C-alpha cells in the first residue's frame, strides 16, 4: 500500500487504474482485485474503477459479481478532470 501511495503522489490518482490493468494483462487477477479496491478508495466518484472491478470478475468467470459491478459503475460519474488515456486503452 505504501508503494501505491508514493506512485499516487508522483503520478496522480490514475496510478491504481494502470496498475490494475497491468495485473489483469499478466493474469494476476487477485492482485488486480486488490488494486481495483485501492482505485475505488482513491477515486470513488469515478466510474472507471467500478468497471475495472467488473472486468476482473468477468475474467475470473464470476458472472454475478461482474454484472453487479458493471451496473454499479453506471451509477458513478465520468471523470471531471483531465484523464490521461493510454493508446492501449483505445485499441480494439
N, C-alpha and C. Protein backbone atom coordinates (compact mmCIF):
# COMPACT_ATOMS: atom_id res chain seq x y z
N UNK A 1 0.83 -1.19 0.00
CA UNK A 1 0.00 0.00 0.00
C UNK A 1 0.87 1.25 0.00
N UNK A 2 2.02 1.18 0.64
CA UNK A 2 2.91 2.33 0.71
C UNK A 2 3.41 2.70 -0.69
N UNK A 3 3.73 1.68 -1.52
CA UNK A 3 4.19 1.94 -2.89
C UNK A 3 3.10 2.62 -3.71
N UNK A 4 1.86 2.20 -3.52
CA UNK A 4 0.75 2.80 -4.25
C UNK A 4 0.63 4.27 -3.89
N UNK A 5 0.76 4.59 -2.61
CA UNK A 5 0.65 5.97 -2.16
C UNK A 5 1.76 6.82 -2.76
N UNK A 6 2.99 6.29 -2.82
CA UNK A 6 4.10 7.01 -3.41
C UNK A 6 3.85 7.25 -4.89
N UNK A 7 3.38 6.22 -5.60
CA UNK A 7 3.08 6.38 -7.02
C UNK A 7 1.97 7.40 -7.23
N UNK A 8 0.99 7.39 -6.33
CA UNK A 8 -0.10 8.36 -6.45
C UNK A 8 0.42 9.78 -6.32
N UNK A 9 1.33 9.99 -5.39
CA UNK A 9 1.91 11.32 -5.22
C UNK A 9 2.69 11.73 -6.46
N UNK A 10 3.37 10.76 -7.08
CA UNK A 10 4.18 11.07 -8.25
C UNK A 10 3.35 11.23 -9.52
N UNK A 11 2.36 10.36 -9.69
CA UNK A 11 1.64 10.30 -10.97
C UNK A 11 0.16 10.63 -10.89
N UNK A 12 -0.35 10.89 -9.74
CA UNK A 12 -1.75 11.26 -9.62
C UNK A 12 -2.66 10.10 -9.31
N UNK A 13 -3.94 10.37 -9.36
CA UNK A 13 -4.94 9.41 -8.92
C UNK A 13 -5.12 8.23 -9.84
N UNK A 14 -4.64 8.31 -11.06
CA UNK A 14 -4.86 7.24 -12.01
C UNK A 14 -3.94 6.04 -11.83
N UNK A 15 -2.96 6.16 -10.97
CA UNK A 15 -1.98 5.08 -10.79
C UNK A 15 -2.63 3.74 -10.49
N UNK A 16 -3.59 3.66 -9.55
CA UNK A 16 -4.20 2.34 -9.30
C UNK A 16 -4.89 1.75 -10.53
N UNK A 17 -5.43 2.61 -11.38
CA UNK A 17 -6.11 2.12 -12.58
C UNK A 17 -5.13 1.45 -13.52
N UNK A 18 -3.98 2.07 -13.74
CA UNK A 18 -2.99 1.48 -14.64
C UNK A 18 -2.36 0.24 -14.02
N UNK A 19 -2.17 0.25 -12.71
CA UNK A 19 -1.62 -0.93 -12.04
C UNK A 19 -2.59 -2.10 -12.17
N UNK A 20 -3.87 -1.82 -11.98
CA UNK A 20 -4.88 -2.86 -12.12
C UNK A 20 -4.89 -3.44 -13.53
N UNK A 21 -4.81 -2.58 -14.53
CA UNK A 21 -4.78 -3.05 -15.91
C UNK A 21 -3.57 -3.95 -16.16
N UNK A 22 -2.43 -3.58 -15.59
CA UNK A 22 -1.22 -4.39 -15.76
C UNK A 22 -1.40 -5.76 -15.13
N UNK A 23 -1.96 -5.79 -13.92
CA UNK A 23 -2.20 -7.08 -13.26
C UNK A 23 -3.16 -7.95 -14.08
N UNK A 24 -4.20 -7.33 -14.63
CA UNK A 24 -5.14 -8.10 -15.45
C UNK A 24 -4.44 -8.68 -16.68
N UNK A 25 -3.60 -7.88 -17.32
CA UNK A 25 -2.87 -8.35 -18.50
C UNK A 25 -1.95 -9.51 -18.16
N UNK A 26 -1.39 -9.48 -16.95
CA UNK A 26 -0.49 -10.56 -16.53
C UNK A 26 -1.23 -11.78 -16.01
N UNK A 27 -2.55 -11.68 -15.87
CA UNK A 27 -3.33 -12.79 -15.35
C UNK A 27 -3.29 -12.89 -13.83
N UNK A 28 -2.80 -11.87 -13.17
CA UNK A 28 -2.73 -11.86 -11.71
C UNK A 28 -4.02 -11.22 -11.19
N UNK A 29 -5.09 -11.98 -11.26
CA UNK A 29 -6.42 -11.44 -11.02
C UNK A 29 -6.67 -11.11 -9.55
N UNK A 30 -6.11 -11.84 -8.62
CA UNK A 30 -6.28 -11.48 -7.20
C UNK A 30 -5.59 -10.15 -6.90
N UNK A 31 -4.42 -9.93 -7.49
CA UNK A 31 -3.75 -8.64 -7.34
C UNK A 31 -4.55 -7.54 -8.02
N UNK A 32 -5.16 -7.86 -9.15
CA UNK A 32 -5.99 -6.88 -9.85
C UNK A 32 -7.18 -6.48 -8.98
N UNK A 33 -7.80 -7.45 -8.32
CA UNK A 33 -8.93 -7.13 -7.42
C UNK A 33 -8.48 -6.22 -6.28
N UNK A 34 -7.31 -6.51 -5.73
CA UNK A 34 -6.78 -5.68 -4.65
C UNK A 34 -6.59 -4.25 -5.13
N UNK A 35 -6.03 -4.09 -6.33
CA UNK A 35 -5.81 -2.74 -6.85
C UNK A 35 -7.12 -2.09 -7.30
N UNK A 36 -8.08 -2.88 -7.75
CA UNK A 36 -9.40 -2.32 -8.04
C UNK A 36 -9.98 -1.68 -6.79
N UNK A 37 -9.82 -2.36 -5.65
CA UNK A 37 -10.31 -1.80 -4.38
C UNK A 37 -9.57 -0.53 -4.01
N UNK A 38 -8.26 -0.50 -4.22
CA UNK A 38 -7.49 0.72 -3.96
C UNK A 38 -7.99 1.85 -4.85
N UNK A 39 -8.26 1.54 -6.11
CA UNK A 39 -8.76 2.56 -7.04
C UNK A 39 -10.11 3.10 -6.59
N UNK A 40 -10.98 2.22 -6.11
CA UNK A 40 -12.29 2.65 -5.65
C UNK A 40 -12.14 3.55 -4.42
N UNK A 41 -11.24 3.21 -3.53
CA UNK A 41 -11.00 4.05 -2.35
C UNK A 41 -10.36 5.38 -2.73
N UNK A 42 -9.53 5.38 -3.77
CA UNK A 42 -8.82 6.59 -4.19
C UNK A 42 -9.73 7.55 -4.95
N UNK A 43 -10.52 7.01 -5.86
CA UNK A 43 -11.39 7.85 -6.69
C UNK A 43 -12.80 7.26 -6.72
N UNK A 44 -13.52 7.35 -5.61
CA UNK A 44 -14.83 6.69 -5.50
C UNK A 44 -15.91 7.28 -6.39
N UNK A 45 -15.74 8.49 -6.88
CA UNK A 45 -16.79 9.11 -7.69
C UNK A 45 -16.68 8.79 -9.18
N UNK A 46 -15.57 8.24 -9.59
CA UNK A 46 -15.37 7.91 -11.00
C UNK A 46 -15.94 6.53 -11.28
N UNK A 47 -16.45 6.34 -12.48
CA UNK A 47 -17.00 5.04 -12.86
C UNK A 47 -15.92 4.04 -13.27
N UNK A 48 -14.76 4.52 -13.60
CA UNK A 48 -13.70 3.68 -14.17
C UNK A 48 -13.27 2.54 -13.24
N UNK A 49 -12.99 2.77 -11.95
CA UNK A 49 -12.56 1.63 -11.12
C UNK A 49 -13.66 0.59 -10.89
N UNK A 50 -14.91 1.01 -10.89
CA UNK A 50 -16.02 0.07 -10.71
C UNK A 50 -16.13 -0.84 -11.94
N UNK A 51 -15.95 -0.23 -13.11
CA UNK A 51 -15.97 -1.02 -14.33
C UNK A 51 -14.77 -1.97 -14.36
N UNK A 52 -13.63 -1.51 -13.85
CA UNK A 52 -12.45 -2.37 -13.76
C UNK A 52 -12.71 -3.58 -12.88
N UNK A 53 -13.43 -3.37 -11.79
CA UNK A 53 -13.79 -4.48 -10.91
C UNK A 53 -14.65 -5.48 -11.67
N UNK A 54 -15.58 -4.97 -12.48
CA UNK A 54 -16.42 -5.86 -13.31
C UNK A 54 -15.58 -6.64 -14.30
N UNK A 55 -14.60 -5.99 -14.91
CA UNK A 55 -13.72 -6.68 -15.85
C UNK A 55 -12.97 -7.82 -15.17
N UNK A 56 -12.44 -7.53 -14.00
CA UNK A 56 -11.67 -8.55 -13.28
C UNK A 56 -12.54 -9.74 -12.92
N UNK A 57 -13.73 -9.48 -12.40
CA UNK A 57 -14.62 -10.59 -12.05
C UNK A 57 -15.05 -11.36 -13.29
N UNK A 58 -15.22 -10.68 -14.41
CA UNK A 58 -15.57 -11.39 -15.65
C UNK A 58 -14.44 -12.31 -16.07
N UNK A 59 -13.20 -11.86 -15.94
CA UNK A 59 -12.06 -12.72 -16.27
C UNK A 59 -11.98 -13.92 -15.34
N UNK A 60 -12.47 -13.75 -14.11
CA UNK A 60 -12.50 -14.86 -13.15
C UNK A 60 -13.74 -15.74 -13.35
N UNK A 61 -14.58 -15.35 -14.31
CA UNK A 61 -15.83 -16.04 -14.62
C UNK A 61 -16.79 -16.08 -13.44
N UNK A 62 -16.77 -15.03 -12.66
CA UNK A 62 -17.74 -14.84 -11.57
C UNK A 62 -18.77 -13.83 -12.09
N UNK A 63 -19.73 -14.36 -12.84
CA UNK A 63 -20.61 -13.53 -13.65
C UNK A 63 -21.54 -12.65 -12.82
N UNK A 64 -22.07 -13.14 -11.72
CA UNK A 64 -22.98 -12.32 -10.91
C UNK A 64 -22.26 -11.10 -10.33
N UNK A 65 -21.04 -11.32 -9.85
CA UNK A 65 -20.26 -10.21 -9.32
C UNK A 65 -19.88 -9.24 -10.43
N UNK A 66 -19.52 -9.77 -11.59
CA UNK A 66 -19.17 -8.92 -12.73
C UNK A 66 -20.36 -8.05 -13.13
N UNK A 67 -21.53 -8.65 -13.17
CA UNK A 67 -22.74 -7.90 -13.53
C UNK A 67 -23.03 -6.82 -12.49
N UNK A 68 -22.90 -7.17 -11.20
CA UNK A 68 -23.19 -6.19 -10.14
C UNK A 68 -22.27 -4.99 -10.25
N UNK A 69 -20.96 -5.24 -10.43
CA UNK A 69 -20.01 -4.13 -10.52
C UNK A 69 -20.21 -3.31 -11.79
N UNK A 70 -20.58 -3.96 -12.89
CA UNK A 70 -20.85 -3.22 -14.13
C UNK A 70 -22.04 -2.28 -13.94
N UNK A 71 -23.09 -2.78 -13.30
CA UNK A 71 -24.25 -1.93 -13.04
C UNK A 71 -23.91 -0.82 -12.05
N UNK A 72 -23.08 -1.13 -11.07
CA UNK A 72 -22.66 -0.12 -10.10
C UNK A 72 -21.86 0.99 -10.79
N UNK A 73 -21.07 0.63 -11.78
CA UNK A 73 -20.27 1.64 -12.50
C UNK A 73 -21.16 2.65 -13.22
N UNK A 74 -22.35 2.21 -13.60
CA UNK A 74 -23.27 3.12 -14.30
C UNK A 74 -23.86 4.17 -13.37
N UNK A 75 -23.78 3.93 -12.06
CA UNK A 75 -24.32 4.91 -11.11
C UNK A 75 -23.29 5.97 -10.73
N UNK A 76 -22.06 5.82 -11.22
CA UNK A 76 -20.99 6.77 -10.91
C UNK A 76 -20.78 7.71 -12.08
N UNK A 77 -20.11 8.80 -11.80
CA UNK A 77 -19.87 9.79 -12.84
C UNK A 77 -18.61 9.51 -13.62
N UNK A 78 -18.50 10.23 -14.72
CA UNK A 78 -17.28 10.16 -15.50
C UNK A 78 -16.29 11.17 -14.91
N UNK A 79 -14.99 10.97 -15.12
CA UNK A 79 -14.00 11.89 -14.54
C UNK A 79 -14.26 13.33 -14.96
N UNK A 80 -14.17 14.24 -14.00
CA UNK A 80 -14.43 15.65 -14.28
C UNK A 80 -13.14 16.45 -14.40
N UNK A 81 -12.05 15.77 -14.61
CA UNK A 81 -10.78 16.44 -14.81
C UNK A 81 -10.02 15.71 -15.89
N UNK A 82 -8.83 16.17 -16.17
CA UNK A 82 -8.06 15.55 -17.24
C UNK A 82 -7.81 14.09 -16.92
N UNK A 83 -8.13 13.25 -17.87
CA UNK A 83 -7.91 11.83 -17.73
C UNK A 83 -6.94 11.42 -18.83
N UNK A 84 -5.76 10.98 -18.43
CA UNK A 84 -4.79 10.55 -19.41
C UNK A 84 -5.17 9.17 -19.91
N UNK A 85 -5.26 9.03 -21.22
CA UNK A 85 -5.68 7.77 -21.82
C UNK A 85 -4.48 7.13 -22.50
N UNK A 86 -4.25 5.90 -22.17
CA UNK A 86 -3.19 5.14 -22.81
C UNK A 86 -3.64 4.76 -24.22
N UNK A 87 -2.73 4.79 -25.19
CA UNK A 87 -3.10 4.32 -26.52
C UNK A 87 -3.58 2.87 -26.52
N UNK A 88 -3.10 2.08 -25.56
CA UNK A 88 -3.55 0.68 -25.48
C UNK A 88 -5.03 0.60 -25.09
N UNK A 89 -5.51 1.60 -24.31
CA UNK A 89 -6.91 1.61 -23.93
C UNK A 89 -7.81 1.88 -25.13
N UNK A 90 -7.29 2.57 -26.12
CA UNK A 90 -8.10 2.94 -27.28
C UNK A 90 -8.10 1.87 -28.36
N UNK A 91 -7.25 0.86 -28.22
CA UNK A 91 -7.19 -0.19 -29.23
C UNK A 91 -8.38 -1.12 -29.11
N UNK A 92 -8.87 -1.60 -30.22
CA UNK A 92 -9.98 -2.55 -30.18
C UNK A 92 -9.56 -3.88 -30.75
